[in-house]
Amino acid sequence: MNHSGKCRHLHGHSVKASISIKSEQLNDQAMVCDFSDVKDCVESFINQVLDHNFLVHKDDPIIPALQANNERFLAIDEHPTAEVLSKMIYQYVKQQGFNVDQVVLWETASANACYRED
């Protein structure tokens, strides 16, 4: 919304995410955590919240049309950029009890955004 570039038009993305978990020490199996536990956590969030969902800013004027046509969408407080999606994934993984260090989200092979809290 209110973007002057080509992304001002309705569009979607297929993205790739990298989630880094940190720890001061390894567990009794010599790991920070099991990768499959992180994968299950993130896949659950992506499948339930992001996948095949239209993400829009809460003030986007297209919302009434989406509602009138019973379209699936998620209205959020910020613009649905790669930076914001990285933050959303980070916060979800953290809420699930993982000591997340950062989330990197790639929109293309050469364009990514990273979210971390220091």
N, C-alpha and C. Protein backbone atom coordinates (compact mmCIF):
# COMPACT_ATOMS: atom_id res chain seq x y z
N MET A 1 0.84 -1.17 0.00
CA MET A 1 0.00 0.00 0.00
C MET A 1 0.90 1.24 0.00
N ASN A 2 0.59 2.19 -0.85
CA ASN A 2 1.32 3.45 -0.98
C ASN A 2 2.78 3.27 -1.40
N HIS A 3 3.08 2.17 -2.09
CA HIS A 3 4.44 1.91 -2.57
C HIS A 3 4.53 2.38 -4.02
N SER A 4 5.60 3.04 -4.39
CA SER A 4 5.71 3.61 -5.73
C SER A 4 6.27 2.63 -6.77
N GLY A 5 6.88 1.55 -6.33
CA GLY A 5 7.48 0.59 -7.26
C GLY A 5 6.48 -0.43 -7.77
N LYS A 6 6.98 -1.44 -8.48
CA LYS A 6 6.10 -2.44 -9.07
C LYS A 6 5.38 -3.27 -8.02
N CYS A 7 5.87 -3.28 -6.80
CA CYS A 7 5.22 -4.05 -5.74
C CYS A 7 3.93 -3.39 -5.24
N ARG A 8 3.56 -2.26 -5.82
CA ARG A 8 2.30 -1.62 -5.44
C ARG A 8 1.11 -2.44 -5.94
N HIS A 9 1.35 -3.30 -6.94
CA HIS A 9 0.29 -4.15 -7.48
C HIS A 9 0.15 -5.42 -6.65
N LEU A 10 -1.05 -5.97 -6.63
CA LEU A 10 -1.27 -7.22 -5.91
C LEU A 10 -0.32 -8.28 -6.45
N HIS A 11 0.32 -8.99 -5.56
CA HIS A 11 1.25 -10.04 -5.96
C HIS A 11 1.51 -10.96 -4.79
N GLY A 12 2.16 -12.05 -5.05
CA GLY A 12 2.50 -13.00 -4.01
C GLY A 12 3.96 -13.39 -4.12
N HIS A 13 4.40 -14.17 -3.17
CA HIS A 13 5.79 -14.63 -3.15
C HIS A 13 5.85 -16.07 -2.69
N SER A 14 6.83 -16.77 -3.18
CA SER A 14 7.27 -18.03 -2.61
C SER A 14 8.60 -17.72 -1.95
N VAL A 15 8.71 -17.98 -0.68
CA VAL A 15 9.91 -17.58 0.04
C VAL A 15 10.58 -18.79 0.68
N LYS A 16 11.80 -18.57 1.08
CA LYS A 16 12.57 -19.57 1.81
C LYS A 16 13.01 -18.92 3.11
N ALA A 17 12.89 -19.65 4.21
CA ALA A 17 13.26 -19.10 5.51
C ALA A 17 14.37 -19.93 6.14
N SER A 18 15.23 -19.24 6.87
CA SER A 18 16.27 -19.88 7.66
C SER A 18 16.11 -19.41 9.10
N ILE A 19 15.98 -20.36 10.00
CA ILE A 19 15.79 -20.03 11.42
C ILE A 19 17.02 -20.52 12.18
N SER A 20 17.68 -19.61 12.89
CA SER A 20 18.85 -19.97 13.69
C SER A 20 18.47 -19.96 15.16
N ILE A 21 18.80 -21.06 15.83
CA ILE A 21 18.56 -21.22 17.25
C ILE A 21 19.91 -21.19 17.95
N LYS A 22 19.98 -20.50 19.11
CA LYS A 22 21.26 -20.39 19.81
C LYS A 22 21.18 -21.00 21.20
N SER A 23 22.35 -21.35 21.71
CA SER A 23 22.44 -21.88 23.06
C SER A 23 23.87 -21.72 23.55
N GLU A 24 24.00 -21.50 24.84
CA GLU A 24 25.33 -21.40 25.44
C GLU A 24 25.99 -22.77 25.58
N GLN A 25 25.16 -23.80 25.61
CA GLN A 25 25.70 -25.15 25.73
C GLN A 25 24.82 -26.13 24.98
N LEU A 26 25.38 -27.29 24.69
CA LEU A 26 24.65 -28.32 23.97
C LEU A 26 23.86 -29.18 24.95
N ASN A 27 22.80 -29.80 24.46
CA ASN A 27 22.00 -30.68 25.32
C ASN A 27 22.70 -32.03 25.48
N ASP A 28 22.02 -32.97 26.12
CA ASP A 28 22.64 -34.28 26.40
C ASP A 28 22.85 -35.11 25.14
N GLN A 29 22.33 -34.65 24.02
CA GLN A 29 22.57 -35.34 22.75
C GLN A 29 23.55 -34.56 21.88
N ALA A 30 24.25 -33.61 22.49
CA ALA A 30 25.26 -32.79 21.82
C ALA A 30 24.67 -31.92 20.71
N MET A 31 23.45 -31.42 20.95
CA MET A 31 22.79 -30.54 19.98
C MET A 31 22.26 -29.31 20.70
N VAL A 32 22.05 -28.24 19.95
CA VAL A 32 21.33 -27.08 20.48
C VAL A 32 19.87 -27.49 20.63
N CYS A 33 19.33 -28.07 19.59
CA CYS A 33 18.00 -28.66 19.60
C CYS A 33 17.87 -29.55 18.37
N ASP A 34 16.82 -30.32 18.32
CA ASP A 34 16.59 -31.19 17.17
C ASP A 34 16.01 -30.36 16.03
N PHE A 35 16.64 -30.43 14.87
CA PHE A 35 16.15 -29.66 13.71
C PHE A 35 14.69 -29.95 13.40
N SER A 36 14.29 -31.20 13.60
CA SER A 36 12.90 -31.55 13.26
C SER A 36 11.91 -30.84 14.18
N ASP A 37 12.30 -30.54 15.41
CA ASP A 37 11.41 -29.80 16.31
C ASP A 37 11.19 -28.38 15.80
N VAL A 38 12.27 -27.75 15.33
CA VAL A 38 12.16 -26.40 14.78
C VAL A 38 11.34 -26.44 13.49
N LYS A 39 11.62 -27.41 12.65
CA LYS A 39 10.89 -27.55 11.38
C LYS A 39 9.40 -27.73 11.63
N ASP A 40 9.03 -28.60 12.55
CA ASP A 40 7.61 -28.83 12.86
C ASP A 40 6.95 -27.55 13.36
N CYS A 41 7.64 -26.81 14.20
CA CYS A 41 7.12 -25.56 14.75
C CYS A 41 6.87 -24.54 13.65
N VAL A 42 7.87 -24.33 12.81
CA VAL A 42 7.77 -23.32 11.76
C VAL A 42 6.75 -23.74 10.70
N GLU A 43 6.77 -25.01 10.31
CA GLU A 43 5.80 -25.48 9.31
C GLU A 43 4.37 -25.31 9.81
N SER A 44 4.15 -25.56 11.08
CA SER A 44 2.82 -25.39 11.64
C SER A 44 2.36 -23.94 11.49
N PHE A 45 3.22 -23.00 11.85
CA PHE A 45 2.88 -21.58 11.73
C PHE A 45 2.64 -21.19 10.27
N ILE A 46 3.53 -21.61 9.41
CA ILE A 46 3.40 -21.26 8.00
C ILE A 46 2.11 -21.84 7.42
N ASN A 47 1.84 -23.10 7.69
CA ASN A 47 0.64 -23.74 7.14
C ASN A 47 -0.64 -23.13 7.68
N GLN A 48 -0.67 -22.78 8.95
CA GLN A 48 -1.89 -22.27 9.56
C GLN A 48 -2.10 -20.77 9.31
N VAL A 49 -1.02 -20.00 9.22
CA VAL A 49 -1.16 -18.54 9.18
C VAL A 49 -0.79 -17.94 7.82
N LEU A 50 0.29 -18.40 7.21
CA LEU A 50 0.81 -17.71 6.03
C LEU A 50 0.47 -18.36 4.69
N ASP A 51 0.53 -19.68 4.62
CA ASP A 51 0.39 -20.37 3.34
C ASP A 51 -1.00 -20.16 2.74
N HIS A 52 -1.03 -19.83 1.47
CA HIS A 52 -2.29 -19.59 0.74
C HIS A 52 -3.18 -18.59 1.47
N ASN A 53 -2.56 -17.58 2.01
CA ASN A 53 -3.27 -16.52 2.70
C ASN A 53 -2.83 -15.19 2.09
N PHE A 54 -3.75 -14.27 1.98
CA PHE A 54 -3.46 -12.95 1.42
C PHE A 54 -3.16 -12.01 2.57
N LEU A 55 -1.92 -11.57 2.69
CA LEU A 55 -1.51 -10.70 3.78
C LEU A 55 -1.63 -9.25 3.34
N VAL A 56 -2.33 -8.46 4.13
CA VAL A 56 -2.54 -7.06 3.79
C VAL A 56 -2.40 -6.20 5.04
N HIS A 57 -2.05 -4.94 4.82
CA HIS A 57 -2.05 -3.97 5.90
C HIS A 57 -3.49 -3.76 6.35
N LYS A 58 -3.68 -3.57 7.64
CA LYS A 58 -5.02 -3.44 8.20
C LYS A 58 -5.83 -2.29 7.62
N ASP A 59 -5.17 -1.30 7.02
CA ASP A 59 -5.87 -0.16 6.43
C ASP A 59 -6.00 -0.26 4.91
N ASP A 60 -5.67 -1.41 4.35
CA ASP A 60 -5.72 -1.55 2.89
C ASP A 60 -7.16 -1.46 2.40
N PRO A 61 -7.41 -0.63 1.39
CA PRO A 61 -8.78 -0.46 0.91
C PRO A 61 -9.37 -1.68 0.20
N ILE A 62 -8.57 -2.70 -0.04
CA ILE A 62 -9.09 -3.90 -0.70
C ILE A 62 -9.82 -4.83 0.26
N ILE A 63 -9.68 -4.60 1.55
CA ILE A 63 -10.27 -5.51 2.55
C ILE A 63 -11.78 -5.70 2.37
N PRO A 64 -12.58 -4.67 2.15
CA PRO A 64 -14.02 -4.92 1.95
C PRO A 64 -14.31 -5.85 0.76
N ALA A 65 -13.55 -5.71 -0.32
CA ALA A 65 -13.75 -6.60 -1.47
C ALA A 65 -13.37 -8.03 -1.12
N LEU A 66 -12.31 -8.21 -0.36
CA LEU A 66 -11.93 -9.55 0.08
C LEU A 66 -13.02 -10.16 0.94
N GLN A 67 -13.55 -9.37 1.87
CA GLN A 67 -14.62 -9.86 2.74
C GLN A 67 -15.87 -10.20 1.94
N ALA A 68 -16.23 -9.36 1.00
CA ALA A 68 -17.44 -9.58 0.20
C ALA A 68 -17.35 -10.84 -0.64
N ASN A 69 -16.13 -11.23 -0.99
CA ASN A 69 -15.92 -12.42 -1.81
C ASN A 69 -15.45 -13.62 -1.00
N ASN A 70 -15.57 -13.53 0.32
CA ASN A 70 -15.17 -14.62 1.22
C ASN A 70 -13.75 -15.12 0.95
N GLU A 71 -12.86 -14.19 0.66
CA GLU A 71 -11.46 -14.54 0.43
C GLU A 71 -10.73 -14.64 1.75
N ARG A 72 -9.78 -15.56 1.81
CA ARG A 72 -8.94 -15.69 3.00
C ARG A 72 -7.89 -14.59 2.99
N PHE A 73 -7.77 -13.88 4.12
CA PHE A 73 -6.74 -12.85 4.23
C PHE A 73 -6.39 -12.66 5.70
N LEU A 74 -5.23 -12.05 5.91
CA LEU A 74 -4.77 -11.71 7.25
C LEU A 74 -4.39 -10.24 7.24
N ALA A 75 -5.16 -9.43 7.96
CA ALA A 75 -4.86 -8.01 8.08
C ALA A 75 -3.89 -7.83 9.25
N ILE A 76 -2.77 -7.17 8.97
CA ILE A 76 -1.75 -6.98 10.00
C ILE A 76 -1.45 -5.48 10.17
N ASP A 77 -0.83 -5.14 11.29
CA ASP A 77 -0.56 -3.74 11.64
C ASP A 77 0.51 -3.08 10.77
N GLU A 78 1.36 -3.90 10.15
CA GLU A 78 2.45 -3.37 9.34
C GLU A 78 2.28 -3.86 7.90
N HIS A 79 3.02 -3.27 6.99
CA HIS A 79 2.99 -3.75 5.61
C HIS A 79 3.62 -5.13 5.56
N PRO A 80 3.06 -6.06 4.80
CA PRO A 80 3.55 -7.44 4.79
C PRO A 80 4.83 -7.60 3.95
N THR A 81 5.90 -7.01 4.42
CA THR A 81 7.20 -7.09 3.75
C THR A 81 7.95 -8.32 4.23
N ALA A 82 9.03 -8.63 3.56
CA ALA A 82 9.89 -9.74 4.00
C ALA A 82 10.41 -9.47 5.42
N GLU A 83 10.67 -8.22 5.71
CA GLU A 83 11.15 -7.85 7.05
C GLU A 83 10.09 -8.17 8.11
N VAL A 84 8.86 -7.82 7.82
CA VAL A 84 7.77 -8.05 8.77
C VAL A 84 7.48 -9.55 8.90
N LEU A 85 7.53 -10.28 7.80
CA LEU A 85 7.31 -11.73 7.87
C LEU A 85 8.41 -12.41 8.67
N SER A 86 9.65 -11.95 8.51
CA SER A 86 10.76 -12.48 9.31
C SER A 86 10.49 -12.26 10.79
N LYS A 87 10.02 -11.07 11.12
CA LYS A 87 9.70 -10.74 12.51
C LYS A 87 8.56 -11.61 13.03
N MET A 88 7.53 -11.82 12.22
CA MET A 88 6.40 -12.65 12.64
C MET A 88 6.85 -14.08 12.95
N ILE A 89 7.67 -14.64 12.07
CA ILE A 89 8.17 -16.00 12.28
C ILE A 89 9.05 -16.05 13.51
N TYR A 90 9.94 -15.07 13.66
CA TYR A 90 10.82 -14.99 14.82
C TYR A 90 10.01 -15.00 16.11
N GLN A 91 9.02 -14.13 16.19
CA GLN A 91 8.22 -14.01 17.42
C GLN A 91 7.44 -15.29 17.71
N TYR A 92 6.93 -15.94 16.68
CA TYR A 92 6.21 -17.19 16.89
C TYR A 92 7.14 -18.28 17.42
N VAL A 93 8.30 -18.43 16.79
CA VAL A 93 9.26 -19.46 17.22
C VAL A 93 9.70 -19.20 18.65
N LYS A 94 9.93 -17.94 18.98
CA LYS A 94 10.32 -17.57 20.35
C LYS A 94 9.20 -17.92 21.34
N GLN A 95 7.95 -17.62 20.97
CA GLN A 95 6.81 -17.93 21.84
C GLN A 95 6.66 -19.43 22.07
N GLN A 96 7.15 -20.23 21.13
CA GLN A 96 7.06 -21.68 21.27
C GLN A 96 8.19 -22.25 22.13
N GLY A 97 9.04 -21.37 22.66
CA GLY A 97 10.06 -21.80 23.62
C GLY A 97 11.45 -22.00 23.05
N PHE A 98 11.65 -21.71 21.78
CA PHE A 98 12.99 -21.84 21.20
C PHE A 98 13.78 -20.57 21.45
N ASN A 99 15.07 -20.72 21.69
CA ASN A 99 15.96 -19.58 21.88
C ASN A 99 16.44 -19.11 20.51
N VAL A 100 15.55 -18.48 19.78
CA VAL A 100 15.82 -18.09 18.40
C VAL A 100 16.81 -16.93 18.35
N ASP A 101 17.77 -17.05 17.45
CA ASP A 101 18.77 -16.01 17.26
C ASP A 101 18.35 -15.07 16.14
N GLN A 102 17.95 -15.64 15.01
CA GLN A 102 17.53 -14.80 13.89
C GLN A 102 16.68 -15.61 12.92
N VAL A 103 15.90 -14.89 12.12
CA VAL A 103 15.15 -15.48 11.02
C VAL A 103 15.51 -14.70 9.77
N VAL A 104 15.94 -15.42 8.75
CA VAL A 104 16.25 -14.82 7.46
C VAL A 104 15.22 -15.33 6.47
N LEU A 105 14.64 -14.42 5.70
CA LEU A 105 13.63 -14.77 4.72
C LEU A 105 14.10 -14.31 3.35
N TRP A 106 14.18 -15.24 2.40
CA TRP A 106 14.58 -14.92 1.04
C TRP A 106 13.36 -14.81 0.16
N GLU A 107 13.22 -13.68 -0.54
CA GLU A 107 12.18 -13.53 -1.56
C GLU A 107 12.69 -14.05 -2.90
N THR A 108 13.97 -13.86 -3.15
CA THR A 108 14.63 -14.37 -4.35
C THR A 108 15.99 -14.93 -3.92
N ALA A 109 16.71 -15.48 -4.87
CA ALA A 109 18.04 -16.04 -4.56
C ALA A 109 19.01 -14.96 -4.08
N SER A 110 18.75 -13.70 -4.41
CA SER A 110 19.69 -12.65 -4.04
C SER A 110 19.11 -11.58 -3.12
N ALA A 111 17.85 -11.72 -2.73
CA ALA A 111 17.22 -10.69 -1.89
C ALA A 111 16.64 -11.33 -0.63
N ASN A 112 17.14 -10.88 0.52
CA ASN A 112 16.64 -11.43 1.78
C ASN A 112 16.53 -10.35 2.85
N ALA A 113 15.76 -10.67 3.86
CA ALA A 113 15.63 -9.80 5.02
C ALA A 113 15.88 -10.65 6.26
N CYS A 114 16.49 -10.04 7.26
CA CYS A 114 16.82 -10.75 8.49
C CYS A 114 16.21 -10.01 9.68
N TYR A 115 15.63 -10.77 10.60
CA TYR A 115 15.14 -10.16 11.84
C TYR A 115 15.80 -10.86 13.01
N ARG A 116 16.29 -10.06 13.94
CA ARG A 116 16.87 -10.56 15.19
C ARG A 116 16.66 -9.50 16.26
N GLU A 117 16.67 -9.94 17.49
CA GLU A 117 16.57 -9.03 18.63
C GLU A 117 17.87 -9.14 19.41
N ASP A 118 18.41 -8.02 19.80
CA ASP A 118 19.67 -8.04 20.56
C ASP A 118 19.44 -7.66 22.00
